[in-house]
Protein backbone atom coordinates (compact mmCIF):
# COMPACT_ATOMS: atom_id res chain seq x y z
CA UNK A 1 7.68 -3.57 -1.76
CA UNK A 2 6.00 -7.00 -2.20
CA UNK A 3 8.41 -8.92 0.05
CA UNK A 4 7.78 -6.46 2.87
CA UNK A 5 4.17 -6.19 2.43
CA UNK A 6 4.08 -10.05 2.86
CA UNK A 7 6.30 -9.54 5.87
CA UNK A 8 3.68 -7.07 7.12
CA UNK A 9 0.86 -9.22 6.52
CA UNK A 10 2.20 -12.24 8.10
CA UNK A 11 3.08 -10.29 11.29
CA UNK A 12 -0.41 -8.64 11.31
CA UNK A 13 -2.08 -12.26 11.02
CA UNK A 14 0.04 -13.65 13.69
CA UNK A 15 -0.02 -10.50 16.15
CA UNK A 16 -3.37 -9.10 15.44
CA UNK A 17 -5.32 -11.84 13.80
CA UNK A 18 -5.81 -9.68 10.78
CA UNK A 19 -6.28 -10.96 7.34
CA UNK A 20 -4.52 -8.99 4.69
CA UNK A 21 -4.72 -9.49 1.13
CA UNK A 22 -1.61 -8.58 -0.96
CA UNK A 23 -2.06 -7.74 -4.62
CA UNK A 24 1.26 -7.59 -6.56
CA UNK A 25 0.52 -5.32 -9.71
CA UNK A 26 3.10 -7.12 -12.22
CA UNK A 27 2.78 -4.26 -14.52
CA UNK A 28 1.87 -0.56 -14.18
CA UNK A 29 0.93 -0.04 -18.17
CA UNK A 30 -1.40 -1.46 -18.37
CA UNK A 31 -2.67 -1.15 -14.94
CA UNK A 32 -4.85 -4.10 -13.87
CA UNK A 33 -8.08 -2.28 -12.87
CA UNK A 34 -10.16 -5.45 -12.48
CA UNK A 35 -7.64 -7.06 -10.13
CA UNK A 36 -7.67 -3.87 -8.01
CA UNK A 37 -11.36 -3.32 -8.09
CA UNK A 38 -11.71 -7.17 -7.23
CA UNK A 39 -9.27 -6.65 -4.12
CA UNK A 40 -11.46 -3.55 -3.09
CA UNK A 41 -14.76 -5.56 -3.24
CA UNK A 42 -13.37 -8.22 -1.03
CA UNK A 43 -11.39 -6.00 1.58
CA UNK A 44 -13.17 -2.73 1.53
CA UNK A 45 -9.97 -1.30 2.56
CA UNK A 46 -6.78 -0.22 0.52
CA UNK A 47 -3.37 0.51 1.49
CA UNK A 48 -1.12 1.33 -1.64
CA UNK A 49 2.53 0.76 -0.90
CA UNK A 50 5.33 1.72 -3.39
CA UNK A 51 9.05 2.69 -3.34
CA UNK A 52 8.41 5.97 -5.05
CA UNK A 53 7.87 9.54 -3.50
CA UNK A 54 4.23 10.50 -2.52
CA UNK A 55 4.41 13.35 -4.75
CA UNK A 56 4.43 12.25 -8.48
CA UNK A 57 4.31 8.58 -7.56
CA UNK A 58 2.27 5.66 -9.06
CA UNK A 59 0.33 5.32 -5.82
CA UNK A 60 -1.62 8.68 -6.70
CA UNK A 61 -2.62 7.23 -9.85
CA UNK A 62 -3.78 3.76 -8.26
CA UNK A 63 -5.56 5.91 -5.68
CA UNK A 64 -7.34 7.93 -8.25
CA UNK A 65 -8.51 4.91 -10.13
CA UNK A 66 -9.67 3.24 -6.95
CA UNK A 67 -11.96 6.43 -6.30
CA UNK A 68 -13.31 6.33 -9.77
CA UNK A 69 -14.14 2.51 -10.04
CA UNK A 70 -14.50 1.45 -6.61
CA UNK A 71 -15.32 4.21 -4.30
CA UNK A 72 -18.69 2.70 -3.14
CA UNK A 73 -16.92 -0.34 -1.79
CA UNK A 74 -14.59 1.60 0.61
CA UNK A 75 -15.12 1.58 4.23
CA UNK A 76 -12.11 3.64 4.99
CA UNK A 77 -9.87 6.16 2.85
CA UNK A 78 -7.38 4.86 0.56
CA UNK A 79 -3.73 5.02 2.58
CA UNK A 80 -0.61 5.17 1.00
CA UNK A 81 2.81 4.11 2.42
CA UNK A 82 5.72 5.29 0.10
CA UNK A 83 8.94 7.07 0.13
CA UNK A 84 9.52 10.48 1.69
CA UNK A 85 9.39 13.52 -0.73
CA UNK A 86 13.26 13.52 -0.94
CA UNK A 87 16.05 12.61 -3.28
CA UNK A 88 16.91 8.97 -2.43
CA UNK A 89 20.03 9.17 -0.33
CA UNK A 90 23.26 6.93 -1.03
CA UNK A 91 23.93 5.85 2.65
CA UNK A 92 22.25 2.64 3.60
CA UNK A 93 20.87 3.71 6.81
CA UNK A 94 19.52 6.96 5.38
CA UNK A 95 17.99 5.07 2.50
CA UNK A 96 16.24 2.64 5.15
CA UNK A 97 14.67 5.78 6.66
CA UNK A 98 13.66 7.35 3.32
CA UNK A 99 11.93 4.01 1.93
CA UNK A 100 9.07 2.37 3.35
CA UNK A 101 9.90 -0.59 5.92
CA UNK A 102 7.74 -3.45 7.13
CA UNK A 103 6.93 -1.48 10.22
CA UNK A 104 5.54 1.33 8.39
CA UNK A 105 3.15 -0.92 6.33
CA UNK A 106 2.12 -2.67 9.85
CA UNK A 107 1.41 0.66 11.41
CA UNK A 108 -0.78 1.94 8.23
CA UNK A 109 -2.61 -1.33 8.16
CA UNK A 110 -3.34 -1.05 11.96
CA UNK A 111 -4.81 2.32 11.35
CA UNK A 112 -6.93 1.12 8.45
CA UNK A 113 -8.20 -1.81 10.46
CA UNK A 114 -9.35 0.59 13.38
CA UNK A 115 -10.96 3.03 10.96
């Protein structure tokens, strides 16, 4: 999702003049809480993007940690862009529908910017 997030950030800067910081968490265990909190303090908004499903996905854990460690710096609710809560299909067109795409990230970022 890093590549799609970077594409979305570039598009948002070009089309909307929005500066977007993309934090690539290189590992999920251990999770880099300091980097996450630092990003929240700088941006005051968070969009968690991941390929897993919303239910049971790592984005829920990241969101929980943000609420525990950095809630006072948030100016908007934490949003998630993730896969639909279905089994990943085999067909490429269906896979593209289920998994997050650049356009999904752009829409969510615009929502956060307007909040």
